[in-house]
Amino acid sequence: MSQLRYDNGAAAFLEVLDAQRDLLSAEQQVVQIRRALQASRVSLYAALGGGSMDFVALSASDMGGVDRGILEVSRQRLCRVMEDALLFL
C-alpha cells in the first residue's frame, strides 16, 4: 500500500522503507512461531514414545506368548496414529 502511495507521489520513500521493515519483522515472527510449533510437536511425539526404535529383548515367556510380529505391527500403527494426531495441533 505504501509502495502504491509512493508511486503516486502521495508518500515519501521513507514510508515505503518503514512498511517493508514492518513486513520483514512480521515474517520473522511467523517463522519463529512455526519453529516453536514444530519443536513442540517433536517434543510431544517423543513424550508419547514416538521415534523410539529400541526394543527390549524379551523371551517368549516374558511376552506371554504374544508374537513379536504382532507387537511390531501394533507399534507401527500407534506411531502412525500419533503422527496423524500431531498434524492437527
Protein backbone atom coordinates (compact mmCIF):
# COMPACT_ATOMS: atom_id res chain seq x y z
CA MET A 1 0.00 0.00 0.00
CA SER A 2 2.77 2.43 0.89
CA GLN A 3 4.54 1.50 -2.36
CA LEU A 4 1.42 2.45 -4.29
CA ARG A 5 1.17 5.73 -2.38
CA TYR A 6 4.86 6.42 -3.14
CA ASP A 7 4.39 5.59 -6.84
CA ASN A 8 1.54 8.12 -7.00
CA GLY A 9 3.54 10.79 -5.16
CA ALA A 10 1.40 10.70 -2.02
CA ALA A 11 4.10 9.38 0.34
CA ALA A 12 7.83 9.66 0.93
CA PHE A 13 10.13 6.73 0.24
CA LEU A 14 10.85 6.56 3.98
CA GLU A 15 7.25 5.40 4.47
CA VAL A 16 7.88 2.56 1.97
CA LEU A 17 11.03 1.53 3.84
CA ASP A 18 9.18 1.58 7.18
CA ALA A 19 6.43 -0.63 5.74
CA GLN A 20 8.99 -3.06 4.34
CA ARG A 21 10.75 -3.21 7.71
CA ASP A 22 7.45 -3.90 9.48
CA LEU A 23 6.64 -6.64 6.96
CA LEU A 24 10.03 -8.29 7.48
CA SER A 25 9.55 -8.19 11.25
CA ALA A 26 6.13 -9.83 10.94
CA GLU A 27 7.51 -12.52 8.61
CA GLN A 28 10.32 -13.25 11.08
CA GLN A 29 7.76 -13.66 13.86
CA VAL A 30 5.80 -16.13 11.73
CA VAL A 31 8.96 -18.19 11.16
CA GLN A 32 9.78 -18.17 14.89
CA ILE A 33 6.24 -19.25 15.80
CA ARG A 34 6.30 -22.06 13.22
CA ARG A 35 9.66 -23.25 14.56
CA ALA A 36 8.32 -23.25 18.11
CA LEU A 37 5.23 -25.18 16.97
CA GLN A 38 7.36 -27.79 15.20
CA ALA A 39 9.62 -28.13 18.25
CA SER A 40 6.54 -28.64 20.42
CA ARG A 41 5.22 -31.31 18.05
CA VAL A 42 8.54 -33.14 18.19
CA SER A 43 8.59 -32.94 21.99
CA LEU A 44 5.05 -34.28 22.22
CA TYR A 45 5.81 -37.07 19.76
CA ALA A 46 8.88 -38.08 21.77
CA ALA A 47 6.96 -37.84 25.07
CA LEU A 48 4.34 -40.21 23.68
CA GLY A 49 7.07 -42.70 22.81
CA GLY A 50 7.32 -41.98 19.11
CA GLY A 51 10.54 -42.40 17.23
CA SER A 52 11.97 -44.94 19.61
CA MET A 53 13.23 -47.98 17.78
CA ASP A 54 14.73 -49.60 20.86
CA PHE A 55 13.22 -52.93 21.80
CA VAL A 56 13.90 -54.75 25.00
CA ALA A 57 14.93 -58.31 24.30
CA LEU A 58 12.15 -60.39 25.76
CA SER A 59 11.83 -64.11 25.83
CA ALA A 60 8.61 -65.74 24.66
CA SER A 61 7.62 -66.36 28.28
CA ASP A 62 8.11 -62.66 29.15
CA MET A 63 5.79 -61.67 26.29
CA GLY A 64 3.09 -64.03 27.46
CA GLY A 65 3.15 -65.93 24.17
CA VAL A 66 2.47 -62.82 22.06
CA ASP A 67 4.07 -62.93 18.63
CA ARG A 68 6.79 -60.26 18.11
CA GLY A 69 5.36 -59.56 14.64
CA ILE A 70 2.03 -58.56 16.17
CA LEU A 71 3.79 -56.28 18.64
CA GLU A 72 5.73 -54.60 15.83
CA VAL A 73 2.59 -54.04 13.74
CA SER A 74 0.84 -52.57 16.78
CA ARG A 75 3.79 -50.26 17.46
CA GLN A 76 3.82 -49.09 13.84
CA ARG A 77 0.08 -48.39 13.93
CA LEU A 78 0.45 -46.43 17.16
CA CYS A 79 3.24 -44.35 15.60
CA ARG A 80 1.05 -43.56 12.57
CA VAL A 81 -1.85 -42.54 14.82
CA MET A 82 0.43 -40.25 16.83
CA GLU A 83 1.84 -38.71 13.64
CA ASP A 84 -1.67 -38.10 12.29
CA ALA A 85 -2.76 -36.54 15.58
CA LEU A 86 0.24 -34.18 15.57
CA LEU A 87 -0.78 -32.86 12.15
CA PHE A 88 -3.89 -31.34 13.72
CA LEU A 89 -2.06 -29.49 16.53
